[in-house]
Amino acid sequence: MPLNVTINGELADVSQIDPDTPLLWALRDHLGLVGTKYGCGIAQCGACTVWLDGDPARACQLPLGQLEGRSITTVEGLAGDALHPVQQAWVEHDVAQCGYCQAGQIMSAAALLERNPFGKWMSHVHSRAFGETSPTRTSWMNLWR
């Protein structure tokens, strides 16, 4: 039976892979996309985070057979012609340590910012922490723009 998914914007026929195979292993072992990492295997650590139809999801717990027609974005597909802003910030601020789980961290952070643009999100955090009438709110927010 045909099994097609869109991976990083490209339609992929994955029907030759056992449908019970977790997406993580299909990506790594069959499709050569090794940026998504195995961490805990129980969807808790986030090292295997990908986007499933634009939402963060743990690839270690997603059976390939349940993904027919779905869209998957991996850390390799996050960037277009240039690095995604989160990836660029990772480089500019030398965030990486060992680097093993950073792909999952990048995918989770990028998903958060897709849903809550940074200025809006930081404004919310500042308001929750300091209140709407903080005299430093405007100047503090300008640091993040």
Protein backbone atom coordinates (compact mmCIF):
# COMPACT_ATOMS: atom_id res chain seq x y z
CA MET A 1 0.00 0.00 0.00
CA PRO A 2 1.43 3.44 -0.88
CA LEU A 3 2.61 5.60 1.98
CA ASN A 4 3.51 9.17 1.11
CA VAL A 5 4.61 11.95 3.43
CA THR A 6 6.05 15.37 2.76
CA ILE A 7 9.45 15.73 4.36
CA ASN A 8 11.08 19.14 4.32
CA GLY A 9 8.81 20.22 1.50
CA GLU A 10 9.45 17.19 -0.71
CA LEU A 11 6.96 14.39 -1.28
CA ALA A 12 8.52 11.09 -0.20
CA ASP A 13 7.26 7.58 -0.92
CA VAL A 14 8.11 5.67 2.24
CA SER A 15 5.99 2.61 1.50
CA GLN A 16 9.12 0.38 1.46
CA ILE A 17 9.61 1.08 5.19
CA ASP A 18 7.69 -0.97 7.78
CA PRO A 19 4.71 1.22 8.81
CA ASP A 20 5.34 0.41 12.49
CA THR A 21 8.79 2.01 12.28
CA PRO A 22 9.00 5.17 14.37
CA LEU A 23 9.48 8.29 12.25
CA LEU A 24 12.81 8.90 14.00
CA TRP A 25 14.32 5.71 12.57
CA ALA A 26 12.75 6.20 9.16
CA LEU A 27 14.38 9.64 8.97
CA ARG A 28 17.78 8.50 10.23
CA ASP A 29 18.18 4.97 8.87
CA HIS A 30 16.23 5.09 5.63
CA LEU A 31 16.22 8.71 4.49
CA GLY A 32 19.65 9.84 5.70
CA LEU A 33 18.31 12.77 7.74
CA VAL A 34 20.41 12.36 10.88
CA GLY A 35 19.83 15.76 12.51
CA THR A 36 16.92 14.35 14.51
CA LYS A 37 18.45 12.46 17.43
CA TYR A 38 17.47 9.54 19.64
CA GLY A 39 17.44 10.52 23.29
CA CYS A 40 15.13 8.68 25.65
CA GLY A 41 12.78 6.81 23.31
CA ILE A 42 9.72 7.75 25.40
CA ALA A 43 9.00 11.25 24.01
CA GLN A 44 10.22 13.05 27.14
CA CYS A 45 13.63 14.56 26.37
CA GLY A 46 12.86 16.31 23.07
CA ALA A 47 16.03 15.35 21.19
CA CYS A 48 13.83 13.83 18.46
CA THR A 49 11.57 16.87 18.00
CA VAL A 50 10.33 17.52 14.46
CA TRP A 51 7.39 19.53 13.20
CA LEU A 52 4.30 17.52 12.20
CA ASP A 53 2.02 19.74 10.15
CA GLY A 54 3.76 22.72 11.76
CA ASP A 55 3.45 21.53 15.37
CA PRO A 56 6.33 20.14 17.42
CA ALA A 57 6.13 16.37 17.82
CA ARG A 58 8.42 13.66 19.15
CA ALA A 59 9.54 11.48 16.25
CA CYS A 60 10.50 8.54 18.47
CA GLN A 61 6.82 7.84 19.19
CA LEU A 62 5.26 8.48 15.75
CA PRO A 63 4.67 5.28 13.75
CA LEU A 64 5.35 6.00 10.11
CA GLY A 65 2.13 4.26 9.05
CA GLN A 66 0.04 6.93 10.81
CA LEU A 67 1.63 9.78 8.87
CA GLU A 68 0.12 9.30 5.39
CA GLY A 69 -0.35 12.69 3.76
CA ARG A 70 1.21 14.58 6.66
CA SER A 71 3.97 17.19 6.47
CA ILE A 72 7.18 16.73 8.46
CA THR A 73 9.89 19.32 8.95
CA THR A 74 13.24 18.30 10.42
CA VAL A 75 16.07 20.52 11.59
CA GLU A 76 17.64 20.03 8.14
CA GLY A 77 14.51 21.48 6.52
CA LEU A 78 14.03 24.38 8.94
CA ALA A 79 16.32 26.66 6.98
CA GLY A 80 15.36 27.90 3.54
CA ASP A 81 17.95 29.80 1.53
CA ALA A 82 19.46 30.99 4.82
CA LEU A 83 19.50 29.70 8.37
CA HIS A 84 16.28 30.04 10.35
CA PRO A 85 16.61 32.96 12.84
CA VAL A 86 16.81 30.50 15.74
CA GLN A 87 19.59 28.59 14.00
CA GLN A 88 21.37 31.86 13.27
CA ALA A 89 21.08 32.95 16.91
CA TRP A 90 22.43 29.53 17.97
CA VAL A 91 25.54 30.19 15.88
CA GLU A 92 25.97 33.87 16.77
CA HIS A 93 25.66 33.25 20.51
CA ASP A 94 27.70 30.04 20.50
CA VAL A 95 24.88 28.14 22.21
CA ALA A 96 25.98 24.62 21.39
CA GLN A 97 27.72 22.56 24.01
CA CYS A 98 27.95 18.89 23.08
CA GLY A 99 25.28 19.52 20.45
CA TYR A 100 23.47 16.22 20.80
CA CYS A 101 20.05 17.54 21.78
CA GLN A 102 20.32 20.98 20.18
CA ALA A 103 18.34 20.01 17.06
CA GLY A 104 15.32 19.26 19.27
CA GLN A 105 15.85 22.48 21.21
CA ILE A 106 16.04 24.48 17.98
CA MET A 107 12.88 22.87 16.60
CA SER A 108 10.98 23.51 19.84
CA ALA A 109 12.16 27.13 20.11
CA ALA A 110 11.38 27.82 16.46
CA ALA A 111 7.86 26.37 16.88
CA LEU A 112 7.27 28.54 19.93
CA LEU A 113 8.35 31.65 18.05
CA GLU A 114 6.27 30.75 14.99
CA ARG A 115 3.19 30.85 17.19
CA ASN A 116 4.27 33.76 19.37
CA PRO A 117 6.49 36.28 17.57
CA PHE A 118 9.42 37.25 19.77
CA GLY A 119 8.39 40.84 20.55
CA LYS A 120 4.88 39.77 21.49
CA TRP A 121 6.20 36.86 23.55
CA MET A 122 8.83 38.93 25.36
CA SER A 123 6.25 41.64 26.02
CA HIS A 124 4.00 39.02 27.60
CA VAL A 125 6.85 37.64 29.73
CA HIS A 126 7.84 41.12 30.87
CA SER A 127 4.24 42.09 31.65
CA ARG A 128 3.74 38.92 33.69
CA ALA A 129 6.95 39.54 35.59
CA PHE A 130 6.82 43.32 36.08
CA GLY A 131 3.28 44.45 35.30
CA GLU A 132 1.94 46.55 32.44
CA THR A 133 2.90 49.87 34.02
CA SER A 134 6.60 49.22 34.47
CA PRO A 135 8.49 52.42 33.51
CA THR A 136 11.26 50.34 31.95
CA ARG A 137 8.94 48.24 29.79
CA THR A 138 9.45 50.23 26.57
CA SER A 139 13.20 50.58 26.94
CA TRP A 140 13.57 46.94 27.97
CA MET A 141 11.55 45.78 24.94
CA ASN A 142 13.69 47.87 22.60
CA LEU A 143 16.70 45.81 23.60
CA TRP A 144 15.04 42.76 22.04
CA ARG A 145 14.14 44.30 18.69
